[in-house]
N, C-alpha and C. Protein backbone atom coordinates (compact mmCIF):
# COMPACT_ATOMS: atom_id res chain seq x y z
N MET A 1 1.16 28.00 6.32
CA MET A 1 -0.01 27.18 6.05
C MET A 1 -0.10 26.83 4.56
N MET A 2 0.22 27.79 3.71
CA MET A 2 0.18 27.52 2.27
C MET A 2 1.23 26.51 1.86
N SER A 3 2.40 26.55 2.53
CA SER A 3 3.44 25.59 2.18
C SER A 3 3.03 24.17 2.56
N LEU A 4 2.28 24.03 3.64
CA LEU A 4 1.78 22.71 4.03
C LEU A 4 0.77 22.20 2.99
N LEU A 5 -0.10 23.07 2.53
CA LEU A 5 -1.06 22.67 1.49
C LEU A 5 -0.35 22.30 0.19
N ALA A 6 0.67 23.07 -0.16
CA ALA A 6 1.44 22.76 -1.36
C ALA A 6 2.14 21.42 -1.23
N LEU A 7 2.68 21.14 -0.06
CA LEU A 7 3.34 19.86 0.17
C LEU A 7 2.34 18.71 0.07
N LEU A 8 1.17 18.87 0.68
CA LEU A 8 0.14 17.83 0.59
C LEU A 8 -0.32 17.60 -0.84
N LEU A 9 -0.45 18.68 -1.60
CA LEU A 9 -0.82 18.55 -3.00
C LEU A 9 0.25 17.80 -3.78
N ARG A 10 1.50 18.12 -3.55
CA ARG A 10 2.60 17.45 -4.27
C ARG A 10 2.68 15.97 -3.91
N VAL A 11 2.50 15.66 -2.63
CA VAL A 11 2.56 14.25 -2.22
C VAL A 11 1.38 13.48 -2.81
N SER A 12 0.20 14.08 -2.82
CA SER A 12 -0.95 13.39 -3.39
C SER A 12 -0.80 13.21 -4.90
N LEU A 13 -0.27 14.20 -5.58
CA LEU A 13 -0.03 14.05 -7.02
C LEU A 13 1.01 12.97 -7.29
N LEU A 14 2.04 12.91 -6.47
CA LEU A 14 3.04 11.86 -6.62
C LEU A 14 2.42 10.48 -6.44
N ALA A 15 1.54 10.34 -5.45
CA ALA A 15 0.88 9.06 -5.22
C ALA A 15 -0.01 8.68 -6.41
N VAL A 16 -0.76 9.63 -6.93
CA VAL A 16 -1.66 9.35 -8.05
C VAL A 16 -0.87 8.97 -9.30
N PHE A 17 0.17 9.73 -9.62
CA PHE A 17 0.95 9.43 -10.82
C PHE A 17 1.74 8.13 -10.67
N THR A 18 2.20 7.82 -9.47
CA THR A 18 2.89 6.55 -9.25
C THR A 18 1.92 5.39 -9.41
N PHE A 19 0.72 5.53 -8.88
CA PHE A 19 -0.30 4.49 -9.05
C PHE A 19 -0.60 4.29 -10.54
N GLY A 20 -0.76 5.38 -11.27
CA GLY A 20 -1.02 5.28 -12.71
C GLY A 20 0.12 4.61 -13.45
N PHE A 21 1.36 4.92 -13.07
CA PHE A 21 2.51 4.29 -13.71
C PHE A 21 2.53 2.79 -13.43
N VAL A 22 2.24 2.41 -12.21
CA VAL A 22 2.23 0.99 -11.87
C VAL A 22 1.16 0.26 -12.67
N VAL A 23 0.00 0.86 -12.81
CA VAL A 23 -1.07 0.23 -13.59
C VAL A 23 -0.65 0.10 -15.05
N LEU A 24 -0.08 1.15 -15.61
CA LEU A 24 0.37 1.07 -17.00
C LEU A 24 1.47 0.04 -17.18
N TYR A 25 2.38 -0.04 -16.25
CA TYR A 25 3.50 -0.98 -16.36
C TYR A 25 3.02 -2.42 -16.23
N GLU A 26 2.10 -2.67 -15.31
CA GLU A 26 1.65 -4.04 -15.06
C GLU A 26 0.61 -4.51 -16.07
N HIS A 27 -0.29 -3.63 -16.51
CA HIS A 27 -1.44 -4.06 -17.30
C HIS A 27 -1.47 -3.48 -18.71
N GLY A 28 -0.67 -2.49 -19.00
CA GLY A 28 -0.67 -1.90 -20.33
C GLY A 28 -1.82 -0.93 -20.54
N THR A 29 -1.88 -0.39 -21.75
CA THR A 29 -2.89 0.63 -22.05
C THR A 29 -4.22 0.03 -22.50
N SER A 30 -4.23 -1.22 -22.89
CA SER A 30 -5.45 -1.79 -23.46
C SER A 30 -6.55 -1.98 -22.42
N ASP A 31 -6.18 -2.32 -21.19
CA ASP A 31 -7.20 -2.53 -20.16
C ASP A 31 -6.85 -1.73 -18.91
N PHE A 32 -6.67 -0.43 -19.09
CA PHE A 32 -6.22 0.43 -17.99
C PHE A 32 -7.24 0.50 -16.86
N VAL A 33 -8.51 0.64 -17.19
CA VAL A 33 -9.54 0.79 -16.16
C VAL A 33 -9.67 -0.50 -15.35
N GLN A 34 -9.70 -1.62 -16.02
CA GLN A 34 -9.78 -2.90 -15.31
C GLN A 34 -8.51 -3.13 -14.50
N GLY A 35 -7.36 -2.77 -15.04
CA GLY A 35 -6.10 -2.91 -14.31
C GLY A 35 -6.05 -2.01 -13.10
N ALA A 36 -6.58 -0.79 -13.23
CA ALA A 36 -6.61 0.13 -12.09
C ALA A 36 -7.50 -0.42 -10.99
N ALA A 37 -8.62 -1.02 -11.35
CA ALA A 37 -9.50 -1.62 -10.34
C ALA A 37 -8.80 -2.78 -9.65
N THR A 38 -8.08 -3.58 -10.41
CA THR A 38 -7.36 -4.71 -9.84
C THR A 38 -6.27 -4.24 -8.88
N GLU A 39 -5.50 -3.24 -9.31
CA GLU A 39 -4.42 -2.73 -8.47
C GLU A 39 -4.98 -2.03 -7.23
N TRP A 40 -6.09 -1.34 -7.36
CA TRP A 40 -6.70 -0.67 -6.20
C TRP A 40 -7.16 -1.70 -5.17
N LYS A 41 -7.77 -2.78 -5.65
CA LYS A 41 -8.19 -3.85 -4.74
C LYS A 41 -6.98 -4.47 -4.05
N SER A 42 -5.93 -4.69 -4.80
CA SER A 42 -4.72 -5.25 -4.23
C SER A 42 -4.11 -4.31 -3.19
N LEU A 43 -4.11 -3.02 -3.48
CA LEU A 43 -3.56 -2.03 -2.55
C LEU A 43 -4.37 -1.96 -1.27
N THR A 44 -5.70 -1.95 -1.39
CA THR A 44 -6.52 -1.87 -0.19
C THR A 44 -6.40 -3.14 0.66
N GLU A 45 -6.28 -4.30 0.02
CA GLU A 45 -6.08 -5.54 0.77
C GLU A 45 -4.75 -5.53 1.50
N PHE A 46 -3.71 -5.01 0.84
CA PHE A 46 -2.39 -4.93 1.47
C PHE A 46 -2.40 -4.00 2.68
N VAL A 47 -3.03 -2.85 2.52
CA VAL A 47 -3.07 -1.88 3.62
C VAL A 47 -3.88 -2.43 4.79
N SER A 48 -5.00 -3.06 4.50
CA SER A 48 -5.81 -3.60 5.60
C SER A 48 -5.11 -4.76 6.29
N SER A 49 -4.35 -5.55 5.56
CA SER A 49 -3.64 -6.66 6.20
C SER A 49 -2.49 -6.15 7.06
N GLN A 50 -1.91 -5.02 6.71
CA GLN A 50 -0.83 -4.45 7.52
C GLN A 50 -1.35 -3.91 8.83
N GLY A 51 -2.54 -3.39 8.84
CA GLY A 51 -3.10 -2.83 10.06
C GLY A 51 -3.60 -3.88 11.03
N SER A 52 -3.98 -5.04 10.53
CA SER A 52 -4.55 -6.05 11.41
C SER A 52 -3.58 -7.18 11.72
N ALA A 53 -2.32 -7.02 11.38
CA ALA A 53 -1.34 -8.07 11.65
C ALA A 53 -1.10 -8.18 13.15
N LYS A 54 -1.08 -9.40 13.62
CA LYS A 54 -0.85 -9.65 15.04
C LYS A 54 0.66 -9.67 15.29
N ALA A 55 1.05 -9.17 16.45
CA ALA A 55 2.45 -9.22 16.84
C ALA A 55 2.81 -10.65 17.21
N PRO A 56 4.04 -11.07 16.90
CA PRO A 56 4.42 -12.44 17.27
C PRO A 56 4.45 -12.60 18.78
N ALA A 57 4.14 -13.78 19.23
CA ALA A 57 4.09 -14.04 20.67
C ALA A 57 5.49 -13.95 21.26
N ALA A 58 5.59 -13.41 22.44
CA ALA A 58 6.88 -13.29 23.11
C ALA A 58 7.33 -14.66 23.57
N PRO A 59 8.62 -14.93 23.48
CA PRO A 59 9.10 -16.25 23.93
C PRO A 59 8.92 -16.39 25.43
N SER A 60 8.69 -17.62 25.85
CA SER A 60 8.48 -17.85 27.28
C SER A 60 9.79 -17.70 28.04
N SER A 61 9.70 -17.33 29.30
CA SER A 61 10.91 -17.09 30.09
C SER A 61 11.46 -18.37 30.69
N GLN A 62 10.73 -19.48 30.59
CA GLN A 62 11.21 -20.74 31.15
C GLN A 62 12.13 -21.44 30.17
N ALA A 63 13.12 -22.11 30.71
CA ALA A 63 14.02 -22.90 29.88
C ALA A 63 13.29 -24.18 29.46
N PRO A 64 13.56 -24.66 28.27
CA PRO A 64 12.89 -25.89 27.84
C PRO A 64 13.33 -27.08 28.69
N THR A 65 12.40 -27.97 28.94
CA THR A 65 12.72 -29.16 29.73
C THR A 65 13.21 -30.26 28.81
N PRO A 66 14.26 -30.95 29.21
CA PRO A 66 14.79 -32.04 28.34
C PRO A 66 13.95 -33.28 28.39
């Protein structure tokens, strides 16, 4: 059980530090807070769009008519 908690802690720290690195790389140190808000909004929009994506329609089984 402790190893699972340690793994979850490590994965969450990796996610937080990766997010911070992306913000620093994209926006620099001068506007870190505003850049973090921008990146967080972008991340949440991306995740929500992935969950609500519709599957493409299956092709019809009929042959096209000439």
